[in-house]
Amino acid sequence: MSPESRPDGRRRVVAGAALGAVLLCAWFALGPWRRAALERPRPEDVPLPSRLESLEPSVKAQFLERRSAVLRLLARPDSAPGKVADAVGELGIAFHAYAYHAQAEACYARAFELAPGSFRWAYALGLVRQERGNGQGADAAFRAALRLEPENVAVRVRLAELALEWSRPDEAESLFHEALARDQDCVRAQVGLARLALERRRPEEALSLLQRALAWQPNAVAIHQALGMAYRDLGKRDLARAHLSRVPAHKLDQAALPLADPLVAAVDAARVGARGHDLRAIRALNDGRFDLAAIEFRQAVLSDPDRVYARHGLALALFRSGRLQESADALGDLLRKDPSHAASRLLLARVLAAQGRLPAARQRLEALVADAPDDAQAVLQLAAVCLEDGKLEAALGHYTRALALAPERSAARAGTGLALVRLGQRRRALQVLLGDASKGPVDPQVAVLAARLLAASPEAELRDGKRALELARQAWEAEPTVSAAESLAMAEAEAGRFAAAAAWQREAARASGAGRPWAARRLERYERGKPVREPWAPRESLSHERVLAPEAGAGGTP
């Protein structure tokens, strides 16, 4: 039996940890590592996770173990600064792993102060600052890291991405090339250069880079999106559509692309227990890797069956990956354990609606709204289900309520407008949609609806072709979707440019497929040189599939 395992040994460990906490608190709160006199600090100055006792045992033990390593070194006057720096940095990695970013930054900054020749802690400081949105601080730390390790690829890629954010394309291009010179298979650098090439109208160069990247990451959404743009610019529209069809409606950034990064790997490896699975799942969910997110959330549930957050996350990941019945089953299990869990009640209604079970979805949402009448998201979802189910008056009432609860929500404004359109109240719909247009750019969903009313209303006094085209182009540039393309077609037809209108409608039809009879009727009218006078078909909804602009010769808007 080790001394620590005996009862008296445990008492000594606890007493030593308490004394060490005082030393560590003073060290963090009062400045330099070697301070002659230490004042007694306040407990809140100690860099520990909030509600330490509430953490699961494995996570709590990890923090206490890493903190104890720092305390032991601080208790010895002869401890080398470099060793203290590494211990503090490892504590920072634990904070970073569990998203305590402020504490992680404090630890990394102190570690780099103690060991100014350490690439690891300079780079870590840049990484956590970048995650906290401090671009200038991240840039300074990354440049310090690059001076210490000039051959490092990851730091060059991160500096290049910061340069892109700050509209410094020449600097970004140079850094990406330097990264590829050191690692020719660096996918992040290849995609970064490809995006620059597309911006500079060099699609052949972009295509070459992206094809190499795709060989390494065949399922990366960011690569397929860029390939769609490259093939579009090269006039290979079938190939462009094939790649763009793999891009989901929500936008993804380069976070899902790999980067050989030992520090990120260390942060990921530090995540233990159910909380570790949660964090990996959240990262996968944000990257659009829904199947991986479901696996991680499922592991979290296995680690802690009472973990409601992980159960809800599992259901959400399954829903987003299209596994609707599995999602419904997971939500059923959760709600049997916690029937009042509002987020899961709302998600189950969304799943039921996606399965086409609209009455069941509406019944659940009505119960949820009865329990929480000021829950704008629940009211908005109820309105959407009523609208889809043809309950127009009920939908309008709920949308009006949602708009009153959350006037900043564009979905509430767009839904109110659409309900009014379907009820034949087009003038009022325009007033709702464009009531605050003078305050700035119109949201894309709102712009789509307003453009259609201005272009295709049966009432001549409501039509304004010029304004319709402005709004339709604005919507398209923000979100190049089927609905935006069809709005552009209506606006072009109202302006008398029927060839352009037909070209936009054909592209929308290619992207959306069959099952939309109104789309064929619109195209037929454009081909006959006639505008449409129905802004929205009875069963039509906003469609978010990506669409290519028509070819230049077809008269479309680039």
Protein backbone atom coordinates (compact mmCIF):
# COMPACT_ATOMS: atom_id res chain seq x y z
CA MET A 1 0.00 0.00 0.00
CA SER A 2 1.42 3.37 -1.05
CA PRO A 3 1.63 6.20 1.52
CA GLU A 4 -1.06 8.11 -0.35
CA SER A 5 -3.45 5.15 -0.12
CA ARG A 6 -3.33 4.99 3.68
CA PRO A 7 -5.81 7.11 5.69
CA ASP A 8 -3.06 9.25 7.19
CA GLY A 9 -1.48 9.58 3.75
CA ARG A 10 -4.75 10.83 2.28
CA ARG A 11 -4.96 13.45 5.03
CA ARG A 12 -1.46 14.65 4.17
CA VAL A 13 -2.35 14.87 0.47
CA VAL A 14 -5.51 16.89 1.20
CA ALA A 15 -3.62 19.22 3.54
CA GLY A 16 -0.84 19.64 1.01
CA ALA A 17 -3.34 20.42 -1.75
CA ALA A 18 -5.00 23.05 0.41
CA LEU A 19 -1.66 24.71 1.18
CA GLY A 20 -0.68 24.46 -2.45
CA ALA A 21 -3.91 26.11 -3.57
CA VAL A 22 -2.93 29.15 -1.54
CA LEU A 23 0.51 29.25 -3.16
CA LEU A 24 -0.91 28.80 -6.65
CA CYS A 25 -3.55 31.46 -6.10
CA ALA A 26 -0.93 33.94 -4.95
CA TRP A 27 1.31 33.12 -7.85
CA PHE A 28 -1.41 33.70 -10.45
CA ALA A 29 -2.92 36.73 -8.76
CA LEU A 30 0.20 38.66 -7.84
CA GLY A 31 2.43 38.37 -10.85
CA PRO A 32 5.99 37.16 -11.49
CA TRP A 33 7.06 33.65 -10.68
CA ARG A 34 9.75 34.62 -8.18
CA ARG A 35 8.05 37.08 -5.82
CA ALA A 36 9.71 37.59 -2.49
CA ALA A 37 6.59 38.04 -0.41
CA LEU A 38 3.17 36.54 -1.08
CA GLU A 39 0.03 38.06 0.34
CA ARG A 40 -2.84 35.79 1.28
CA PRO A 41 -5.07 35.77 -1.83
CA ARG A 42 -8.80 35.61 -2.20
CA PRO A 43 -10.25 32.16 -2.96
CA GLU A 44 -11.85 33.41 -6.18
CA ASP A 45 -8.40 34.20 -7.59
CA VAL A 46 -7.50 30.51 -7.73
CA PRO A 47 -7.68 29.34 -11.38
CA LEU A 48 -10.01 26.39 -10.98
CA PRO A 49 -13.11 25.40 -12.95
CA SER A 50 -16.32 26.88 -11.67
CA ARG A 51 -18.31 24.42 -9.60
CA LEU A 52 -15.44 21.96 -9.36
CA GLU A 53 -17.45 19.66 -7.12
CA SER A 54 -20.13 19.28 -9.78
CA LEU A 55 -17.70 17.86 -12.35
CA GLU A 56 -17.68 14.16 -12.92
CA PRO A 57 -14.99 12.38 -10.87
CA SER A 58 -12.57 11.69 -13.72
CA VAL A 59 -12.59 15.34 -14.85
CA LYS A 60 -12.25 16.67 -11.31
CA ALA A 61 -9.35 14.31 -10.64
CA GLN A 62 -7.64 15.51 -13.82
CA PHE A 63 -7.78 19.15 -12.74
CA LEU A 64 -6.60 18.38 -9.22
CA GLU A 65 -3.74 16.23 -10.50
CA ARG A 66 -2.49 18.90 -12.92
CA ARG A 67 -2.87 21.62 -10.33
CA SER A 68 -0.96 19.54 -7.78
CA ALA A 69 1.92 19.20 -10.23
CA VAL A 70 2.20 23.00 -10.35
CA LEU A 71 1.91 23.27 -6.58
CA ARG A 72 4.71 20.81 -5.97
CA LEU A 73 7.04 22.80 -8.19
CA LEU A 74 6.06 26.12 -6.66
CA ALA A 75 6.74 24.76 -3.19
CA ARG A 76 10.39 24.13 -4.16
CA PRO A 77 12.54 27.27 -4.45
CA ASP A 78 14.94 25.53 -6.84
CA SER A 79 12.29 24.56 -9.42
CA ALA A 80 13.42 25.58 -12.89
CA PRO A 81 11.14 28.08 -14.65
CA GLY A 82 10.90 25.80 -17.67
CA LYS A 83 9.49 22.96 -15.59
CA VAL A 84 7.02 25.27 -13.91
CA ALA A 85 6.03 26.61 -17.33
CA ASP A 86 5.31 23.12 -18.62
CA ALA A 87 3.23 22.25 -15.56
CA VAL A 88 1.23 25.47 -15.86
CA GLY A 89 0.78 24.92 -19.59
CA GLU A 90 -0.53 21.41 -19.00
CA LEU A 91 -3.03 22.85 -16.53
CA GLY A 92 -3.98 25.29 -19.31
CA ILE A 93 -4.56 22.36 -21.65
CA ALA A 94 -7.03 20.90 -19.16
CA PHE A 95 -8.88 24.22 -19.01
CA HIS A 96 -8.79 24.44 -22.80
CA ALA A 97 -10.10 20.89 -23.18
CA TYR A 98 -13.26 21.72 -21.25
CA ALA A 99 -13.80 25.15 -22.85
CA TYR A 100 -12.63 27.26 -19.89
CA HIS A 101 -10.97 29.57 -22.38
CA ALA A 102 -10.20 32.53 -20.10
CA GLN A 103 -8.37 30.31 -17.59
CA ALA A 104 -6.59 28.49 -20.42
CA GLU A 105 -5.35 31.78 -21.85
CA ALA A 106 -4.07 32.89 -18.42
CA CYS A 107 -2.16 29.61 -18.00
CA TYR A 108 -0.67 29.69 -21.50
CA ALA A 109 0.36 33.33 -21.12
CA ARG A 110 2.10 32.60 -17.81
CA ALA A 111 3.76 29.49 -19.25
CA PHE A 112 5.12 31.50 -22.18
CA GLU A 113 6.27 34.25 -19.80
CA LEU A 114 8.21 31.65 -17.79
CA ALA A 115 9.57 29.93 -20.90
CA PRO A 116 9.82 32.55 -23.67
CA GLY A 117 11.70 30.06 -25.83
CA SER A 118 8.83 27.57 -25.85
CA PHE A 119 7.07 27.19 -29.21
CA ARG A 120 4.39 25.02 -27.62
CA TRP A 121 3.12 27.68 -25.21
CA ALA A 122 3.38 30.54 -27.69
CA TYR A 123 1.34 28.52 -30.18
CA ALA A 124 -1.17 27.45 -27.53
CA LEU A 125 -1.64 31.08 -26.54
CA GLY A 126 -2.34 32.01 -30.16
CA LEU A 127 -4.79 29.15 -30.57
CA VAL A 128 -6.91 29.98 -27.53
CA ARG A 129 -6.89 33.68 -28.40
CA GLN A 130 -8.09 32.85 -31.89
CA GLU A 131 -10.90 30.74 -30.44
CA ARG A 132 -11.85 33.65 -28.16
CA GLY A 133 -12.07 36.02 -31.14
CA ASN A 134 -8.92 38.00 -30.29
CA GLY A 135 -7.39 38.04 -33.77
CA GLN A 136 -4.67 40.58 -33.04
CA GLY A 137 -3.55 38.76 -29.90
CA ALA A 138 -3.59 35.46 -31.78
CA ASP A 139 -1.52 36.94 -34.62
CA ALA A 140 1.12 38.24 -32.18
CA ALA A 141 1.38 34.89 -30.40
CA PHE A 142 1.51 32.89 -33.65
CA ARG A 143 4.27 35.13 -34.99
CA ALA A 144 6.25 34.60 -31.80
CA ALA A 145 5.77 30.86 -32.27
CA LEU A 146 6.90 31.06 -35.90
CA ARG A 147 10.12 32.81 -34.88
CA LEU A 148 10.81 29.95 -32.49
CA GLU A 149 10.00 27.17 -34.97
CA PRO A 150 10.29 28.52 -38.54
CA GLU A 151 9.56 25.16 -40.19
CA ASN A 152 6.22 24.60 -38.48
CA VAL A 153 3.33 24.13 -40.94
CA ALA A 154 0.34 24.56 -38.63
CA VAL A 155 1.35 28.02 -37.43
CA ARG A 156 1.81 29.20 -41.01
CA VAL A 157 -1.65 27.95 -41.97
CA ARG A 158 -3.25 29.70 -39.00
CA LEU A 159 -1.44 32.96 -39.78
CA ALA A 160 -2.57 32.66 -43.40
CA GLU A 161 -6.19 32.17 -42.34
CA LEU A 162 -5.98 35.23 -40.11
CA ALA A 163 -4.56 37.21 -43.04
CA LEU A 164 -7.53 36.10 -45.15
CA GLU A 165 -9.94 37.28 -42.45
CA TRP A 166 -8.24 40.69 -42.54
CA SER A 167 -8.35 40.92 -46.36
CA ARG A 168 -4.59 40.56 -46.84
CA PRO A 169 -4.64 38.06 -49.73
CA ASP A 170 -1.00 38.47 -50.80
CA GLU A 171 0.25 37.72 -47.30
CA ALA A 172 -2.14 34.76 -47.00
CA GLU A 173 -1.00 33.36 -50.36
CA SER A 174 2.65 33.58 -49.37
CA LEU A 175 2.04 31.81 -46.05
CA PHE A 176 -0.05 29.06 -47.66
CA HIS A 177 2.71 28.45 -50.24
CA GLU A 178 5.29 28.30 -47.45
CA ALA A 179 3.14 25.72 -45.66
CA LEU A 180 2.82 23.58 -48.80
CA ALA A 181 6.55 23.82 -49.44
CA ARG A 182 7.01 22.06 -46.10
CA ASP A 183 4.02 19.69 -46.40
CA GLN A 184 2.70 19.22 -49.92
CA ASP A 185 -0.32 17.31 -48.61
CA CYS A 186 -1.57 20.01 -46.22
CA VAL A 187 -5.29 20.10 -47.09
CA ARG A 188 -6.00 23.36 -45.28
CA ALA A 189 -3.29 25.15 -47.27
CA GLN A 190 -4.48 23.62 -50.56
CA VAL A 191 -8.06 24.76 -49.97
CA GLY A 192 -6.91 28.19 -48.79
CA LEU A 193 -4.92 28.73 -51.99
CA ALA A 194 -7.82 27.39 -54.06
CA ARG A 195 -10.19 29.94 -52.56
CA LEU A 196 -7.73 32.71 -53.32
CA ALA A 197 -7.43 31.44 -56.90
CA LEU A 198 -11.23 31.48 -57.27
CA GLU A 199 -11.40 35.05 -55.98
CA ARG A 200 -8.76 36.00 -58.56
CA ARG A 201 -10.64 34.29 -61.42
CA ARG A 202 -8.11 31.46 -61.82
CA PRO A 203 -10.40 28.40 -61.75
CA GLU A 204 -7.91 26.01 -63.41
CA GLU A 205 -5.41 26.64 -60.62
CA ALA A 206 -8.13 26.23 -57.99
CA LEU A 207 -9.30 22.97 -59.56
CA SER A 208 -5.82 21.44 -59.47
CA LEU A 209 -5.42 22.27 -55.77
CA LEU A 210 -8.89 21.06 -54.86
CA GLN A 211 -8.55 17.75 -56.66
CA ARG A 212 -5.41 17.04 -54.60
CA ALA A 213 -7.23 18.02 -51.42
CA LEU A 214 -10.25 15.86 -52.30
CA ALA A 215 -8.02 12.79 -52.63
CA TRP A 216 -7.16 13.20 -48.93
CA GLN A 217 -10.58 14.33 -47.70
CA PRO A 218 -13.26 12.95 -50.07
CA ASN A 219 -16.19 13.91 -47.80
CA ALA A 220 -15.14 17.43 -46.80
CA VAL A 221 -18.02 19.81 -47.46
CA ALA A 222 -15.70 22.82 -47.79
CA ILE A 223 -13.85 21.11 -50.65
CA HIS A 224 -17.03 20.17 -52.50
CA GLN A 225 -18.32 23.72 -52.18
CA ALA A 226 -15.12 25.17 -53.62
CA LEU A 227 -15.06 22.53 -56.39
CA GLY A 228 -18.60 23.52 -57.34
CA MET A 229 -17.48 27.11 -57.76
CA ALA A 230 -14.39 26.09 -59.76
CA TYR A 231 -16.35 23.90 -62.17
CA ARG A 232 -18.98 26.62 -62.50
CA ASP A 233 -16.32 29.14 -63.52
CA LEU A 234 -14.92 26.62 -66.01
CA GLY A 235 -18.36 26.15 -67.57
CA LYS A 236 -18.65 22.49 -66.45
CA ARG A 237 -22.07 22.92 -64.94
CA ASP A 238 -23.02 19.26 -64.45
CA LEU A 239 -19.88 18.70 -62.40
CA ALA A 240 -20.54 21.92 -60.50
CA ARG A 241 -24.04 20.78 -59.59
CA ALA A 242 -22.78 17.36 -58.49
CA HIS A 243 -20.41 18.92 -55.97
CA LEU A 244 -22.76 21.66 -54.78
CA SER A 245 -25.46 19.07 -54.10
CA ARG A 246 -23.25 17.83 -51.26
CA VAL A 247 -23.25 21.22 -49.52
CA PRO A 248 -25.88 21.49 -46.76
CA ALA A 249 -28.03 24.59 -46.32
CA HIS A 250 -26.08 25.81 -43.29
CA LYS A 251 -22.66 27.26 -43.96
CA LEU A 252 -19.54 25.47 -42.81
CA ASP A 253 -16.05 26.91 -42.48
CA GLN A 254 -12.60 25.36 -42.58
CA ALA A 255 -12.91 23.93 -39.08
CA ALA A 256 -13.82 20.53 -40.54
CA LEU A 257 -10.63 20.38 -42.60
CA PRO A 258 -7.70 18.56 -41.00
CA LEU A 259 -4.48 20.16 -39.82
CA ALA A 260 -1.60 18.23 -38.29
CA ASP A 261 -1.54 19.97 -34.94
CA PRO A 262 -0.04 18.29 -31.84
CA LEU A 263 -1.43 20.98 -29.52
CA VAL A 264 -5.00 20.44 -30.73
CA ALA A 265 -4.43 16.70 -30.40
CA ALA A 266 -3.23 17.20 -26.81
CA VAL A 267 -6.30 19.28 -25.98
CA ASP A 268 -8.56 16.63 -27.50
CA ALA A 269 -6.75 13.82 -25.68
CA ALA A 270 -7.20 15.65 -22.36
CA ARG A 271 -10.98 15.30 -22.60
CA VAL A 272 -12.06 12.39 -20.45
CA GLY A 273 -15.36 10.97 -19.25
CA ALA A 274 -18.80 11.87 -20.49
CA ARG A 275 -17.84 15.56 -20.69
CA GLY A 276 -15.02 14.68 -23.06
CA HIS A 277 -17.43 12.83 -25.34
CA ASP A 278 -19.79 15.82 -25.16
CA LEU A 279 -17.11 18.24 -26.32
CA ARG A 280 -15.92 16.04 -29.16
CA ALA A 281 -19.53 15.58 -30.22
CA ILE A 282 -20.18 19.34 -30.19
CA ARG A 283 -17.12 19.91 -32.35
CA ALA A 284 -18.29 17.24 -34.82
CA LEU A 285 -21.81 18.71 -34.81
CA ASN A 286 -20.47 22.18 -35.60
CA ASP A 287 -18.32 20.75 -38.38
CA GLY A 288 -21.30 19.01 -39.97
CA ARG A 289 -20.01 15.51 -39.14
CA PHE A 290 -23.33 14.38 -37.74
CA ASP A 291 -22.65 10.62 -37.71
CA LEU A 292 -19.46 11.17 -35.68
CA ALA A 293 -21.36 13.50 -33.33
CA ALA A 294 -23.96 10.79 -32.77
CA ILE A 295 -21.24 8.27 -31.92
CA GLU A 296 -19.64 10.61 -29.37
CA PHE A 297 -22.95 11.58 -27.78
CA ARG A 298 -23.89 7.89 -27.56
CA GLN A 299 -20.62 7.19 -25.76
CA ALA A 300 -21.39 10.02 -23.34
CA VAL A 301 -24.78 8.44 -22.62
CA LEU A 302 -23.15 5.07 -22.01
CA SER A 303 -20.71 6.74 -19.59
CA ASP A 304 -23.56 8.49 -17.77
CA PRO A 305 -27.09 7.25 -18.61
CA ASP A 306 -28.61 10.17 -16.67
CA ARG A 307 -26.81 12.77 -18.80
CA VAL A 308 -29.78 14.59 -20.34
CA TYR A 309 -27.58 16.98 -22.36
CA ALA A 310 -25.89 14.07 -24.15
CA ARG A 311 -29.21 12.33 -24.81
CA HIS A 312 -30.59 15.49 -26.38
CA GLY A 313 -27.39 15.97 -28.40
CA LEU A 314 -27.63 12.39 -29.68
CA ALA A 315 -31.20 12.99 -30.86
CA LEU A 316 -30.16 16.26 -32.54
CA ALA A 317 -27.22 14.61 -34.34
CA LEU A 318 -29.48 11.80 -35.55
CA PHE A 319 -32.05 14.34 -36.74
CA ARG A 320 -29.49 16.34 -38.69
CA SER A 321 -28.09 13.19 -40.29
CA GLY A 322 -31.60 12.30 -41.54
CA ARG A 323 -32.11 9.33 -39.19
CA LEU A 324 -35.52 10.55 -38.14
CA GLN A 325 -36.96 7.46 -36.46
CA GLU A 326 -33.78 6.88 -34.46
CA SER A 327 -33.97 10.50 -33.36
CA ALA A 328 -37.60 10.10 -32.34
CA ASP A 329 -36.75 6.96 -30.37
CA ALA A 330 -33.89 8.71 -28.57
CA LEU A 331 -36.17 11.62 -27.69
CA GLY A 332 -38.83 9.23 -26.44
CA ASP A 333 -36.30 7.65 -24.07
CA LEU A 334 -35.19 11.09 -22.86
CA LEU A 335 -38.70 12.41 -22.28
CA ARG A 336 -39.66 9.32 -20.30
CA LYS A 337 -36.83 10.27 -17.93
CA ASP A 338 -37.50 14.02 -18.02
CA PRO A 339 -40.96 14.81 -19.45
CA SER A 340 -40.54 18.56 -18.93
CA HIS A 341 -37.33 18.95 -20.98
CA ALA A 342 -38.45 21.79 -23.25
CA ALA A 343 -35.67 21.57 -25.86
CA SER A 344 -36.36 17.87 -26.40
CA ARG A 345 -40.11 18.44 -26.61
CA LEU A 346 -39.45 21.03 -29.31
CA LEU A 347 -37.02 18.79 -31.19
CA LEU A 348 -39.46 15.86 -31.13
CA ALA A 349 -42.08 18.09 -32.74
CA ARG A 350 -39.58 19.01 -35.46
CA VAL A 351 -38.82 15.33 -36.04
CA LEU A 352 -42.50 14.48 -36.30
CA ALA A 353 -43.04 17.34 -38.75
CA ALA A 354 -40.10 16.13 -40.86
CA GLN A 355 -41.72 12.68 -40.93
CA GLY A 356 -44.92 14.26 -42.25
CA ARG A 357 -46.83 13.64 -39.02
CA LEU A 358 -48.11 17.20 -38.83
CA PRO A 359 -51.13 16.70 -36.49
CA ALA A 360 -48.92 14.90 -33.96
CA ALA A 361 -46.28 17.63 -34.23
CA ARG A 362 -48.90 20.34 -33.81
CA GLN A 363 -50.39 18.63 -30.76
CA ARG A 364 -47.00 18.46 -29.03
CA LEU A 365 -46.19 22.07 -29.87
CA GLU A 366 -49.54 23.31 -28.61
CA ALA A 367 -48.86 21.59 -25.29
CA LEU A 368 -45.38 23.09 -25.14
CA VAL A 369 -46.66 26.60 -25.90
CA ALA A 370 -49.38 26.19 -23.29
CA ASP A 371 -46.65 25.45 -20.72
CA ALA A 372 -44.33 28.21 -21.97
CA PRO A 373 -46.35 30.88 -23.83
CA ASP A 374 -43.36 33.24 -24.07
CA ASP A 375 -41.04 30.67 -25.70
CA ALA A 376 -40.56 32.39 -29.07
CA GLN A 377 -38.89 29.37 -30.67
CA ALA A 378 -41.75 27.06 -29.72
CA VAL A 379 -44.36 29.56 -30.94
CA LEU A 380 -42.44 29.98 -34.20
CA GLN A 381 -42.23 26.22 -34.74
CA LEU A 382 -45.96 25.85 -34.04
CA ALA A 383 -46.67 28.56 -36.61
CA ALA A 384 -44.52 26.79 -39.21
CA VAL A 385 -46.27 23.45 -38.65
CA CYS A 386 -49.72 25.11 -38.89
CA LEU A 387 -48.68 26.80 -42.13
CA GLU A 388 -47.42 23.53 -43.62
CA ASP A 389 -50.64 21.81 -42.53
CA GLY A 390 -52.77 24.46 -44.23
CA LYS A 391 -54.07 25.99 -40.98
CA LEU A 392 -53.50 29.51 -42.26
CA GLU A 393 -55.41 31.58 -39.71
CA ALA A 394 -53.80 29.66 -36.84
CA ALA A 395 -50.40 30.04 -38.48
CA LEU A 396 -50.84 33.79 -38.83
CA GLY A 397 -51.83 34.11 -35.19
CA HIS A 398 -48.79 32.19 -34.01
CA TYR A 399 -46.42 34.03 -36.36
CA THR A 400 -47.79 37.36 -35.16
CA ARG A 401 -47.19 36.25 -31.59
CA ALA A 402 -43.64 35.08 -32.41
CA LEU A 403 -42.90 38.40 -34.11
CA ALA A 404 -44.10 40.26 -31.01
CA LEU A 405 -41.94 38.08 -28.76
CA ALA A 406 -38.83 38.26 -30.96
CA PRO A 407 -39.05 41.04 -33.57
CA GLU A 408 -35.41 40.47 -34.52
CA ARG A 409 -36.12 36.94 -35.79
CA SER A 410 -36.26 36.99 -39.57
CA ALA A 411 -38.10 33.65 -39.65
CA ALA A 412 -40.97 35.21 -37.70
CA ARG A 413 -41.18 38.13 -40.12
CA ALA A 414 -40.89 35.90 -43.20
CA GLY A 415 -43.46 33.45 -41.84
CA THR A 416 -45.94 36.22 -41.06
CA GLY A 417 -45.51 37.55 -44.58
CA LEU A 418 -45.99 34.11 -46.14
CA ALA A 419 -49.10 33.41 -44.09
CA LEU A 420 -50.57 36.74 -45.20
CA VAL A 421 -49.72 35.99 -48.84
CA ARG A 422 -51.52 32.65 -48.65
CA LEU A 423 -54.50 34.38 -47.07
CA GLY A 424 -54.56 36.82 -49.97
CA GLN A 425 -53.50 39.82 -47.87
CA ARG A 426 -50.60 40.82 -50.08
CA ARG A 427 -50.53 44.53 -49.27
CA ARG A 428 -50.33 43.83 -45.56
CA ALA A 429 -47.69 41.18 -46.24
CA LEU A 430 -45.47 43.76 -47.94
CA GLN A 431 -45.90 46.14 -45.03
CA VAL A 432 -44.80 43.42 -42.59
CA LEU A 433 -41.87 42.28 -44.74
CA LEU A 434 -40.46 45.71 -45.56
CA GLY A 435 -41.60 47.65 -42.53
CA ASP A 436 -38.05 48.22 -41.28
CA ALA A 437 -36.15 47.92 -44.57
CA SER A 438 -34.74 51.42 -44.05
CA LYS A 439 -32.72 50.15 -41.07
CA GLY A 440 -30.32 48.16 -43.23
CA PRO A 441 -30.05 45.11 -45.55
CA VAL A 442 -33.13 42.89 -45.66
CA ASP A 443 -32.74 39.32 -44.41
CA PRO A 444 -32.49 36.84 -47.35
CA GLN A 445 -35.71 34.98 -46.44
CA VAL A 446 -37.61 38.24 -46.13
CA ALA A 447 -36.05 39.54 -49.35
CA VAL A 448 -37.15 36.43 -51.26
CA LEU A 449 -40.78 36.92 -50.24
CA ALA A 450 -40.81 40.68 -50.74
CA ALA A 451 -39.21 40.36 -54.19
CA ARG A 452 -41.90 37.94 -55.27
CA LEU A 453 -44.69 40.20 -54.11
CA LEU A 454 -43.14 43.18 -55.89
CA ALA A 455 -42.60 41.16 -59.07
CA ALA A 456 -45.64 38.89 -59.30
CA SER A 457 -48.55 40.33 -57.31
CA PRO A 458 -51.87 40.26 -59.21
CA GLU A 459 -52.42 43.86 -58.05
CA ALA A 460 -50.53 46.19 -60.41
CA GLU A 461 -50.25 48.90 -57.77
CA LEU A 462 -48.14 46.58 -55.58
CA ARG A 463 -45.64 45.70 -58.27
CA ASP A 464 -42.25 47.41 -58.48
CA GLY A 465 -39.96 45.52 -60.84
CA LYS A 466 -36.84 47.54 -60.09
CA ARG A 467 -37.13 47.07 -56.32
CA ALA A 468 -38.03 43.39 -56.84
CA LEU A 469 -34.82 42.84 -58.80
CA GLU A 470 -32.74 44.61 -56.14
CA LEU A 471 -34.16 42.44 -53.37
CA ALA A 472 -33.93 39.22 -55.37
CA ARG A 473 -30.28 39.88 -56.19
CA GLN A 474 -29.58 40.72 -52.57
CA ALA A 475 -31.17 37.43 -51.47
CA TRP A 476 -29.25 35.46 -54.10
CA GLU A 477 -25.89 36.98 -53.17
CA ALA A 478 -26.49 36.18 -49.50
CA GLU A 479 -27.86 32.64 -50.03
CA PRO A 480 -27.84 31.17 -53.56
CA THR A 481 -30.88 28.95 -53.05
CA VAL A 482 -33.72 27.63 -55.19
CA SER A 483 -36.16 30.11 -53.66
CA ALA A 484 -33.84 33.03 -54.38
CA ALA A 485 -33.31 31.86 -57.97
CA GLU A 486 -37.05 31.63 -58.57
CA SER A 487 -37.50 35.12 -57.11
CA LEU A 488 -34.90 36.38 -59.57
CA ALA A 489 -36.80 34.66 -62.39
CA MET A 490 -40.00 36.47 -61.40
CA ALA A 491 -38.22 39.80 -61.18
CA GLU A 492 -36.51 39.35 -64.58
CA ALA A 493 -39.87 38.44 -66.13
CA GLU A 494 -41.51 41.52 -64.63
CA ALA A 495 -38.75 43.58 -66.26
CA GLY A 496 -39.52 41.92 -69.62
CA ARG A 497 -36.33 39.84 -69.74
CA PHE A 498 -38.00 36.49 -70.30
CA ALA A 499 -34.92 34.62 -71.55
CA ALA A 500 -33.13 35.46 -68.31
CA ALA A 501 -36.22 34.51 -66.30
CA ALA A 502 -36.41 31.13 -68.02
CA ALA A 503 -32.68 30.54 -67.47
CA TRP A 504 -33.01 31.16 -63.71
CA GLN A 505 -36.10 28.94 -63.52
CA ARG A 506 -34.34 26.08 -65.31
CA GLU A 507 -31.42 26.24 -62.89
CA ALA A 508 -33.82 26.17 -59.95
CA ALA A 509 -35.61 23.16 -61.44
CA ARG A 510 -32.33 21.27 -61.92
CA ALA A 511 -31.37 21.84 -58.30
CA SER A 512 -34.74 21.04 -56.73
CA GLY A 513 -35.82 18.04 -58.81
CA ALA A 514 -39.36 16.83 -59.41
CA GLY A 515 -42.43 17.21 -57.24
CA ARG A 516 -42.85 20.96 -57.77
CA PRO A 517 -45.56 21.39 -60.47
CA TRP A 518 -45.68 25.17 -60.00
CA ALA A 519 -42.07 25.40 -61.19
CA ALA A 520 -42.98 23.85 -64.56
CA ARG A 521 -45.94 26.23 -64.92
CA ARG A 522 -43.70 29.24 -64.29
CA LEU A 523 -41.12 28.09 -66.82
CA GLU A 524 -43.82 27.59 -69.44
CA ARG A 525 -45.03 31.18 -68.96
CA TYR A 526 -41.52 32.62 -69.23
CA GLU A 527 -40.86 30.65 -72.41
CA ARG A 528 -44.08 32.13 -73.84
CA GLY A 529 -42.95 35.65 -72.91
CA LYS A 530 -45.37 36.11 -70.00
CA PRO A 531 -44.73 37.07 -66.37
CA VAL A 532 -46.28 35.14 -63.49
CA ARG A 533 -49.00 36.57 -61.30
CA GLU A 534 -48.79 34.12 -58.41
CA PRO A 535 -45.98 35.05 -55.98
CA TRP A 536 -46.25 31.83 -54.02
CA ALA A 537 -47.86 28.48 -54.81
CA PRO A 538 -50.31 27.06 -52.21
CA ARG A 539 -47.99 24.28 -51.00
CA GLU A 540 -44.69 25.95 -51.77
CA SER A 541 -42.15 26.46 -48.99
CA LEU A 542 -38.74 28.10 -48.80
CA SER A 543 -36.24 25.85 -50.56
CA HIS A 544 -32.61 25.98 -49.44
CA GLU A 545 -30.92 23.79 -52.05
CA ARG A 546 -27.88 25.45 -53.62
CA VAL A 547 -28.24 26.69 -57.21
CA LEU A 548 -25.80 27.81 -59.87
CA ALA A 549 -26.33 31.08 -61.70
CA PRO A 550 -27.29 30.65 -65.38
CA GLU A 551 -24.50 30.74 -67.92
CA ALA A 552 -23.56 34.22 -69.09
CA GLY A 553 -25.03 33.65 -72.53
CA ALA A 554 -28.41 32.77 -71.07
CA GLY A 555 -28.99 36.31 -69.83
CA GLY A 556 -28.75 35.52 -66.10
CA THR A 557 -27.22 37.70 -63.42
CA PRO A 558 -23.60 36.74 -62.63
